[in-house]
């Protein structure tokens, strides 16, 4: 296990700054998730930690030792890639033990370490197979096993589940969380999938445009986002963002704003309203809205709602069933004030 500290980390390609000064401390034994949209810099940051990208400026410390100039092999980090990167002509056992063989570890010790890792990952029965004989999930376990046998200080995962189907991704999320609990290792995990981030991370660092918008525990970020970007990125369906209406705005828009912004400071110009906090009531007892589309997901339904004067459709997450779930039906909307988040003109949360 190791503590990883990034202090003023920057990365520049030519005249283009892609990482614009990152300060972050990753605690020993923590499962830290980097999440953000494509091109935000999360994978580049991970590759700088691994030593696969040079650091333009700033300091990277691994267990208190400056690692900027250390070779990747000397950093005590093991990386698991999205593409598995297995040698097709080697068996599972040989793939997992390859780094140990290159390091001069004896055959007997290699076999013992590979066997222990295989038991941890529940792939002992696959050791004599070749990658072409494995499923996607099995290949990813082998790639993780190859990292485990090195006994690294830090595990680095670069979108390792993105090539798997939805059901297998769920299973592998569970396996990775189990593995983290069992090994107690420091893990840094990159993903663009906010569901993976919310369900796996001890803490989440939300990346955007080469910087970090907010760092914190998953539910803390969900309930108390620092700004509109974090609020909109975390959560599915995404949060409803309602702007203050103009003086000539529709009566429904003005009524909705009064409901959501009641008692908030004057500097609040937009409010965030999570779909699960939207209350659907009778049409004559709430803010008038019309159902445009209903997505039925079994136990719940997602409603897409139009409120006159509001530019974007609103989302509501409600229990399945009932006549109000049909497109074209008119309903009413209500809310509890303590579930609404206010933002100022700069997009920052207003307490």
Protein backbone atom coordinates (compact mmCIF):
# COMPACT_ATOMS: atom_id res chain seq x y z
CA UNK A 1 0.00 0.00 0.00
CA UNK A 2 1.13 3.53 -0.68
CA UNK A 3 0.05 7.12 -0.46
CA UNK A 4 0.10 9.04 -3.75
CA UNK A 5 0.39 12.83 -3.82
CA UNK A 6 -0.02 15.03 -6.89
CA UNK A 7 1.16 18.60 -6.36
CA UNK A 8 0.71 21.17 -9.13
CA UNK A 9 0.82 18.44 -11.80
CA UNK A 10 0.73 19.77 -15.37
CA UNK A 11 0.96 18.16 -18.79
CA UNK A 12 1.57 20.06 -21.99
CA UNK A 13 1.69 18.79 -25.57
CA UNK A 14 3.45 21.50 -27.54
CA UNK A 15 1.59 24.70 -26.71
CA UNK A 16 -1.55 22.90 -25.50
CA UNK A 17 -2.10 22.44 -21.75
CA UNK A 18 -4.09 19.25 -21.22
CA UNK A 19 -3.56 18.97 -17.44
CA UNK A 20 -3.71 22.41 -15.88
CA UNK A 21 -2.42 22.01 -12.36
CA UNK A 22 -3.77 19.13 -10.26
CA UNK A 23 -3.42 18.90 -6.49
CA UNK A 24 -4.65 15.65 -5.01
CA UNK A 25 -3.72 13.33 -2.16
CA UNK A 26 -4.71 9.66 -2.45
CA UNK A 27 -4.62 7.93 0.91
CA UNK A 28 -2.97 4.61 1.67
CA UNK A 29 -5.37 1.75 0.98
CA UNK A 30 -7.95 4.01 -0.69
CA UNK A 31 -10.05 3.19 -3.75
CA UNK A 32 -9.90 6.48 -5.65
CA UNK A 33 -11.93 6.89 -8.82
CA UNK A 34 -11.15 9.44 -11.53
CA UNK A 35 -14.36 10.20 -13.44
CA UNK A 36 -15.23 12.66 -16.16
CA UNK A 37 -16.15 13.01 -19.84
CA UNK A 38 -13.88 11.95 -22.69
CA UNK A 39 -10.89 14.25 -23.10
CA UNK A 40 -11.01 15.65 -19.56
CA UNK A 41 -7.50 14.42 -18.63
CA UNK A 42 -8.23 11.54 -16.27
CA UNK A 43 -6.38 8.85 -18.28
CA UNK A 44 -3.46 11.20 -18.96
CA UNK A 45 -3.15 11.80 -15.22
CA UNK A 46 -3.19 8.05 -14.56
CA UNK A 47 -0.51 7.50 -17.20
CA UNK A 48 1.68 10.17 -15.58
CA UNK A 49 1.38 8.33 -12.26
CA UNK A 50 2.37 5.10 -14.02
CA UNK A 51 5.33 6.74 -15.75
CA UNK A 52 3.93 6.23 -19.26
CA UNK A 53 3.68 10.01 -19.78
CA UNK A 54 6.24 12.61 -18.76
CA UNK A 55 5.18 15.23 -16.22
CA UNK A 56 5.62 18.77 -17.59
CA UNK A 57 5.52 20.47 -14.18
CA UNK A 58 4.71 19.68 -10.56
CA UNK A 59 5.63 16.83 -8.23
CA UNK A 60 4.43 13.23 -8.03
CA UNK A 61 5.15 11.54 -4.70
CA UNK A 62 4.64 7.82 -4.11
CA UNK A 63 5.08 6.93 -0.44
CA UNK A 64 6.77 10.28 0.06
CA UNK A 65 9.39 9.68 -2.67
CA UNK A 66 9.45 12.02 -5.67
CA UNK A 67 8.71 9.77 -8.63
CA UNK A 68 8.80 12.20 -11.57
CA UNK A 69 12.02 10.77 -12.98
CA UNK A 70 11.66 7.18 -11.82
CA UNK A 71 11.24 4.49 -14.47
CA UNK A 72 7.79 2.91 -14.56
CA UNK A 73 9.19 -0.37 -13.22
CA UNK A 74 10.70 1.44 -10.22
CA UNK A 75 7.52 3.23 -9.11
CA UNK A 76 5.83 0.28 -7.48
CA UNK A 77 2.72 0.70 -9.61
CA UNK A 78 0.96 -1.92 -11.75
CA UNK A 79 -1.45 -0.91 -14.50
CA UNK A 80 -4.45 -2.76 -15.88
CA UNK A 81 -5.42 -1.56 -19.34
CA UNK A 82 -8.76 -1.39 -21.11
CA UNK A 83 -7.48 -3.70 -23.88
CA UNK A 84 -6.21 -6.49 -21.51
CA UNK A 85 -2.83 -6.51 -23.40
CA UNK A 86 -2.30 -10.27 -22.99
CA UNK A 87 0.28 -12.22 -24.97
CA UNK A 88 -1.77 -14.49 -27.27
CA UNK A 89 0.93 -17.20 -27.55
CA UNK A 90 1.27 -17.59 -23.76
CA UNK A 91 -0.96 -19.51 -21.36
CA UNK A 92 -2.77 -17.71 -18.57
CA UNK A 93 -0.10 -18.84 -16.11
CA UNK A 94 2.70 -17.58 -18.34
CA UNK A 95 0.94 -14.25 -18.91
CA UNK A 96 0.48 -13.73 -15.19
CA UNK A 97 4.07 -14.71 -14.38
CA UNK A 98 5.81 -12.91 -17.24
CA UNK A 99 6.91 -9.87 -15.22
CA UNK A 100 8.24 -12.14 -12.49
CA UNK A 101 10.22 -14.16 -15.04
CA UNK A 102 11.74 -10.96 -16.44
CA UNK A 103 12.69 -9.98 -12.89
CA UNK A 104 14.57 -13.25 -12.42
CA UNK A 105 12.14 -14.90 -9.99
CA UNK A 106 12.60 -18.67 -9.87
CA UNK A 107 10.08 -20.94 -11.59
CA UNK A 108 8.94 -22.41 -8.28
CA UNK A 109 8.30 -19.00 -6.72
CA UNK A 110 6.60 -17.77 -9.91
CA UNK A 111 4.27 -20.74 -9.84
CA UNK A 112 3.43 -20.15 -6.18
CA UNK A 113 2.69 -16.44 -6.66
CA UNK A 114 0.64 -17.04 -9.80
CA UNK A 115 -1.29 -19.79 -7.99
CA UNK A 116 -2.13 -17.50 -5.06
CA UNK A 117 -3.27 -14.71 -7.38
CA UNK A 118 -5.35 -17.15 -9.42
CA UNK A 119 -7.10 -18.38 -6.28
CA UNK A 120 -7.87 -14.80 -5.24
CA UNK A 121 -9.38 -14.12 -8.68
CA UNK A 122 -11.06 -17.54 -8.92
CA UNK A 123 -9.32 -18.46 -12.18
CA UNK A 124 -7.17 -21.38 -11.03
CA UNK A 125 -8.95 -23.65 -13.52
CA UNK A 126 -7.90 -21.38 -16.41
CA UNK A 127 -4.13 -21.37 -15.89
CA UNK A 128 -3.33 -23.69 -18.79
CA UNK A 129 -5.64 -21.99 -21.29
CA UNK A 130 -4.68 -19.36 -23.88
CA UNK A 131 -6.30 -15.89 -24.11
CA UNK A 132 -8.28 -16.89 -27.23
CA UNK A 133 -10.03 -19.54 -25.14
CA UNK A 134 -11.28 -17.04 -22.54
CA UNK A 135 -14.29 -14.76 -22.27
CA UNK A 136 -13.87 -11.02 -21.90
CA UNK A 137 -14.37 -11.15 -18.16
CA UNK A 138 -11.86 -13.99 -17.79
CA UNK A 139 -9.28 -12.06 -19.82
CA UNK A 140 -9.74 -9.05 -17.58
CA UNK A 141 -9.20 -11.22 -14.51
CA UNK A 142 -5.95 -12.46 -16.03
CA UNK A 143 -4.83 -8.88 -16.65
CA UNK A 144 -5.61 -8.04 -13.02
CA UNK A 145 -3.80 -11.19 -11.88
CA UNK A 146 -0.71 -10.13 -13.81
CA UNK A 147 -0.75 -6.94 -11.75
CA UNK A 148 -1.36 -8.72 -8.43
CA UNK A 149 1.64 -11.04 -8.70
CA UNK A 150 3.95 -8.04 -8.83
CA UNK A 151 2.75 -7.01 -5.35
CA UNK A 152 2.63 -3.33 -6.30
CA UNK A 153 2.22 -0.41 -3.95
CA UNK A 154 -0.48 1.05 -6.20
CA UNK A 155 -2.92 -0.55 -8.66
CA UNK A 156 -3.86 1.62 -11.66
CA UNK A 157 -6.98 0.76 -13.68
CA UNK A 158 -7.65 2.51 -17.00
CA UNK A 159 -11.33 1.89 -17.89
CA UNK A 160 -10.86 -1.88 -17.45
CA UNK A 161 -14.55 -2.79 -17.81
CA UNK A 162 -15.54 -0.73 -20.85
CA UNK A 163 -15.16 -3.67 -23.26
CA UNK A 164 -17.53 -5.90 -21.28
CA UNK A 165 -21.28 -6.26 -21.65
CA UNK A 166 -23.58 -4.65 -19.08
CA UNK A 167 -24.22 -7.75 -16.95
CA UNK A 168 -20.54 -8.69 -16.84
CA UNK A 169 -19.57 -5.13 -15.89
CA UNK A 170 -21.79 -5.39 -12.83
CA UNK A 171 -20.17 -8.70 -11.83
CA UNK A 172 -16.67 -7.31 -12.34
CA UNK A 173 -17.48 -4.22 -10.27
CA UNK A 174 -18.40 -6.53 -7.41
CA UNK A 175 -15.22 -8.55 -7.93
CA UNK A 176 -12.99 -5.48 -7.94
CA UNK A 177 -14.57 -4.15 -4.75
CA UNK A 178 -14.08 -7.57 -3.14
CA UNK A 179 -10.49 -7.63 -4.32
CA UNK A 180 -9.84 -4.17 -2.86
CA UNK A 181 -11.27 -5.22 0.50
CA UNK A 182 -9.23 -8.43 0.48
CA UNK A 183 -5.91 -6.90 -0.55
CA UNK A 184 -6.29 -3.57 1.25
CA UNK A 185 -4.33 -2.04 -1.62
CA UNK A 186 -4.25 1.52 -2.89
CA UNK A 187 -6.23 1.59 -6.13
CA UNK A 188 -6.76 4.37 -8.66
CA UNK A 189 -9.51 3.66 -11.15
CA UNK A 190 -10.35 5.70 -14.28
CA UNK A 191 -13.82 5.60 -15.81
CA UNK A 192 -16.25 7.79 -17.73
CA UNK A 193 -19.16 5.82 -16.24
CA UNK A 194 -20.60 7.70 -13.28
CA UNK A 195 -22.41 4.54 -12.09
CA UNK A 196 -19.04 2.77 -11.73
CA UNK A 197 -17.67 5.79 -9.91
CA UNK A 198 -20.59 6.03 -7.49
CA UNK A 199 -20.67 2.31 -6.67
CA UNK A 200 -16.94 1.57 -6.40
CA UNK A 201 -15.01 4.56 -5.11
CA UNK A 202 -14.07 5.36 -1.53
CA UNK A 203 -13.70 8.86 -2.96
CA UNK A 204 -14.28 10.34 -6.41
CA UNK A 205 -12.29 13.01 -8.22
CA UNK A 206 -14.47 14.62 -10.89
CA UNK A 207 -12.32 15.78 -13.81
CA UNK A 208 -13.23 18.45 -16.33
CA UNK A 209 -11.12 20.20 -19.00
CA UNK A 210 -7.76 19.23 -17.50
CA UNK A 211 -8.60 19.99 -13.89
CA UNK A 212 -10.49 18.59 -10.91
CA UNK A 213 -13.87 20.12 -10.11
CA UNK A 214 -14.46 18.34 -6.79
CA UNK A 215 -13.17 15.48 -4.66
CA UNK A 216 -15.16 13.61 -2.07
CA UNK A 217 -17.16 10.57 -1.05
CA UNK A 218 -19.73 9.50 -3.68
CA UNK A 219 -22.87 10.47 -1.77
CA UNK A 220 -21.32 13.72 -0.56
CA UNK A 221 -20.69 14.76 -4.17
CA UNK A 222 -24.16 13.64 -5.21
CA UNK A 223 -25.95 15.48 -2.41
CA UNK A 224 -23.67 18.53 -2.20
CA UNK A 225 -22.08 19.15 -5.62
CA UNK A 226 -19.71 22.09 -5.72
CA UNK A 227 -21.07 23.34 -9.03
CA UNK A 228 -23.43 22.63 -11.91
CA UNK A 229 -20.91 20.46 -13.76
CA UNK A 230 -20.59 18.00 -10.88
CA UNK A 231 -24.34 18.06 -10.26
CA UNK A 232 -25.09 17.29 -13.91
CA UNK A 233 -22.37 14.66 -14.37
CA UNK A 234 -23.30 12.52 -11.37
CA UNK A 235 -26.72 10.94 -11.45
CA UNK A 236 -28.85 9.03 -13.96
CA UNK A 237 -31.18 10.41 -15.13
CA UNK A 238 -29.30 13.66 -14.87
CA UNK A 239 -30.36 16.43 -12.53
CA UNK A 240 -32.96 18.96 -13.67
CA UNK A 241 -31.47 22.45 -13.98
CA UNK A 242 -34.09 25.19 -13.98
CA UNK A 243 -33.12 28.81 -14.72
CA UNK A 244 -34.72 31.89 -13.21
CA UNK A 245 -37.48 33.06 -15.57
CA UNK A 246 -37.47 36.42 -17.32
CA UNK A 247 -40.06 38.99 -16.27
CA UNK A 248 -42.21 38.00 -19.25
CA UNK A 249 -41.79 34.27 -18.62
CA UNK A 250 -44.74 31.91 -18.58
CA UNK A 251 -46.93 31.61 -15.50
CA UNK A 252 -45.95 27.93 -15.13
CA UNK A 253 -42.22 28.75 -15.26
CA UNK A 254 -42.61 31.55 -12.71
CA UNK A 255 -44.63 29.28 -10.42
CA UNK A 256 -42.03 26.51 -10.70
CA UNK A 257 -39.23 28.94 -9.88
CA UNK A 258 -41.12 30.26 -6.86
CA UNK A 259 -41.60 26.69 -5.64
CA UNK A 260 -37.97 25.65 -6.10
CA UNK A 261 -36.19 28.89 -5.11
CA UNK A 262 -38.38 29.79 -2.16
CA UNK A 263 -36.29 31.15 0.73
CA UNK A 264 -33.01 31.04 -1.19
CA UNK A 265 -30.54 33.95 -1.50
CA UNK A 266 -31.09 36.44 -4.32
CA UNK A 267 -27.84 35.39 -6.01
CA UNK A 268 -29.35 32.00 -6.88
CA UNK A 269 -30.09 32.09 -10.63
CA UNK A 270 -30.45 28.34 -11.32
CA UNK A 271 -31.63 25.46 -9.22
CA UNK A 272 -30.93 21.73 -9.42
CA UNK A 273 -33.70 19.24 -8.79
CA UNK A 274 -32.93 15.50 -8.78
CA UNK A 275 -35.46 13.33 -10.71
CA UNK A 276 -36.13 11.15 -7.65
CA UNK A 277 -37.14 14.28 -5.71
CA UNK A 278 -39.77 15.38 -8.23
CA UNK A 279 -43.19 14.72 -6.74
CA UNK A 280 -46.00 13.98 -9.17
CA UNK A 281 -49.41 15.21 -7.94
CA UNK A 282 -52.82 15.88 -9.38
CA UNK A 283 -52.86 18.38 -12.25
CA UNK A 284 -54.90 20.93 -10.29
CA UNK A 285 -52.74 20.82 -7.13
CA UNK A 286 -49.21 21.41 -8.46
CA UNK A 287 -47.18 23.12 -11.17
CA UNK A 288 -48.81 22.14 -14.50
CA UNK A 289 -46.74 19.81 -16.69
CA UNK A 290 -47.33 17.37 -19.52
CA UNK A 291 -45.85 13.89 -19.91
CA UNK A 292 -43.89 13.75 -23.19
CA UNK A 293 -42.36 10.28 -22.81
CA UNK A 294 -42.38 7.53 -20.20
CA UNK A 295 -39.59 4.96 -19.94
CA UNK A 296 -40.77 1.93 -17.96
CA UNK A 297 -37.94 0.16 -16.15
CA UNK A 298 -39.90 -2.38 -14.14
CA UNK A 299 -40.10 -1.10 -10.58
CA UNK A 300 -39.69 2.54 -11.65
CA UNK A 301 -40.50 4.77 -14.59
CA UNK A 302 -38.65 7.80 -15.94
CA UNK A 303 -40.97 10.60 -17.04
CA UNK A 304 -39.91 13.31 -19.48
CA UNK A 305 -42.01 16.36 -18.68
CA UNK A 306 -42.68 19.65 -20.40
CA UNK A 307 -43.41 22.74 -18.33
CA UNK A 308 -44.51 25.74 -20.39
CA UNK A 309 -41.70 28.27 -20.71
CA UNK A 310 -38.95 25.94 -19.44
CA UNK A 311 -36.47 25.27 -22.28
CA UNK A 312 -35.43 21.73 -21.40
CA UNK A 313 -37.59 18.74 -20.59
CA UNK A 314 -37.65 17.83 -16.90
CA UNK A 315 -37.07 14.28 -15.64
CA UNK A 316 -38.98 12.55 -12.88
CA UNK A 317 -38.21 9.14 -11.41
CA UNK A 318 -41.41 7.61 -10.02
CA UNK A 319 -42.82 4.26 -8.97
CA UNK A 320 -44.11 2.22 -11.90
CA UNK A 321 -47.82 2.02 -12.67
CA UNK A 322 -50.68 4.47 -12.75
CA UNK A 323 -52.53 6.35 -15.48
CA UNK A 324 -50.31 9.44 -15.14
CA UNK A 325 -47.46 7.59 -16.89
CA UNK A 326 -48.95 7.87 -20.36
CA UNK A 327 -47.59 10.42 -22.87
CA UNK A 328 -49.88 13.41 -23.27
CA UNK A 329 -51.30 13.20 -19.75
CA UNK A 330 -51.29 16.45 -17.78
CA UNK A 331 -50.02 16.26 -14.21
CA UNK A 332 -48.87 18.53 -11.42
CA UNK A 333 -45.39 18.85 -9.91
CA UNK A 334 -44.37 19.55 -6.35
CA UNK A 335 -41.14 19.50 -4.34
CA UNK A 336 -39.62 19.64 -0.87
CA UNK A 337 -37.40 22.69 -0.52
CA UNK A 338 -34.62 20.77 1.24
CA UNK A 339 -34.06 18.59 -1.84
CA UNK A 340 -33.31 21.54 -4.16
CA UNK A 341 -29.77 22.83 -4.83
CA UNK A 342 -29.13 26.47 -5.70
CA UNK A 343 -26.43 27.80 -8.06
CA UNK A 344 -25.18 31.33 -8.72
CA UNK A 345 -24.38 33.00 -12.05
CA UNK A 346 -20.95 31.29 -12.11
CA UNK A 347 -22.47 27.83 -11.66
CA UNK A 348 -21.22 27.49 -8.07
CA UNK A 349 -23.43 26.03 -5.38
CA UNK A 350 -25.04 28.50 -3.01
CA UNK A 351 -25.63 27.07 0.46
